[in-house]
Protein backbone atom coordinates (compact mmCIF):
# COMPACT_ATOMS: atom_id res chain seq x y z
CA UNK A 1 -0.03 -0.02 -0.05
CA UNK A 2 1.33 3.35 -0.95
CA UNK A 3 1.15 6.56 1.08
CA UNK A 4 -1.60 7.67 -1.33
CA UNK A 5 -4.00 5.08 0.03
CA UNK A 6 -4.51 5.23 3.79
CA UNK A 7 -5.79 2.19 5.65
CA UNK A 8 -9.09 3.86 6.34
CA UNK A 9 -9.61 4.33 2.57
CA UNK A 10 -8.79 0.63 2.05
CA UNK A 11 -11.29 -0.38 4.74
CA UNK A 12 -13.93 1.90 3.08
CA UNK A 13 -13.30 0.23 -0.33
CA UNK A 14 -13.68 -3.21 1.33
CA UNK A 15 -16.94 -2.25 2.80
CA UNK A 16 -18.16 -0.71 -0.47
CA UNK A 17 -17.33 -3.95 -2.30
CA UNK A 18 -19.15 -5.95 0.30
CA UNK A 19 -22.22 -3.75 -0.04
CA UNK A 20 -22.21 -3.98 -3.95
CA UNK A 21 -22.37 -7.63 -5.14
CA UNK A 22 -21.75 -6.64 -8.73
CA UNK A 23 -18.40 -5.10 -7.87
CA UNK A 24 -15.64 -7.78 -7.47
CA UNK A 25 -12.36 -5.94 -7.32
CA UNK A 26 -10.64 -2.92 -5.79
CA UNK A 27 -10.24 -1.36 -9.24
CA UNK A 28 -13.98 -1.75 -10.03
CA UNK A 29 -14.84 -0.13 -6.65
CA UNK A 30 -12.57 2.77 -7.33
CA UNK A 31 -14.00 3.25 -10.83
CA UNK A 32 -17.55 3.13 -9.46
CA UNK A 33 -16.78 5.65 -6.67
CA UNK A 34 -15.06 7.99 -9.14
CA UNK A 35 -17.83 7.73 -11.67
CA UNK A 36 -20.38 8.58 -9.13
CA UNK A 37 -18.42 11.50 -7.74
CA UNK A 38 -17.69 12.94 -11.12
CA UNK A 39 -21.35 12.53 -12.22
CA UNK A 40 -22.82 14.15 -9.10
CA UNK A 41 -20.33 17.06 -9.29
CA UNK A 42 -20.98 17.84 -12.95
CA UNK A 43 -17.81 16.53 -14.46
CA UNK A 44 -19.59 13.55 -16.27
CA UNK A 45 -22.93 13.51 -17.80
CA UNK A 46 -25.55 11.73 -15.73
CA UNK A 47 -27.08 9.89 -18.59
CA UNK A 48 -30.43 11.42 -17.90
CA UNK A 49 -32.33 12.83 -20.83
CA UNK A 50 -34.98 15.48 -20.43
CA UNK A 51 -37.86 16.63 -22.47
CA UNK A 52 -36.73 18.43 -25.65
CA UNK A 53 -37.73 22.17 -25.73
CA UNK A 54 -40.01 21.70 -28.71
CA UNK A 55 -41.93 18.95 -26.89
CA UNK A 56 -42.62 21.18 -23.80
CA UNK A 57 -46.19 22.35 -23.25
CA UNK A 58 -48.59 22.92 -20.28
CA UNK A 59 -49.33 19.20 -20.07
CA UNK A 60 -45.80 18.34 -18.92
CA UNK A 61 -45.26 21.08 -16.41
CA UNK A 62 -44.07 19.95 -13.03
């Protein structure tokens, strides 16, 4: 383990992997965490699609 990864981060990664059955490795866990963080902070698109402006009308107002 390098100085970059503290033991508390390693424990958090192990807990994350245990809580996510589809994630099997440390690398997959790190990628999932980074993807989530980048998406929620606006660095990656979220994959959500909205209603196109030309399709907006009073019936789809929220």
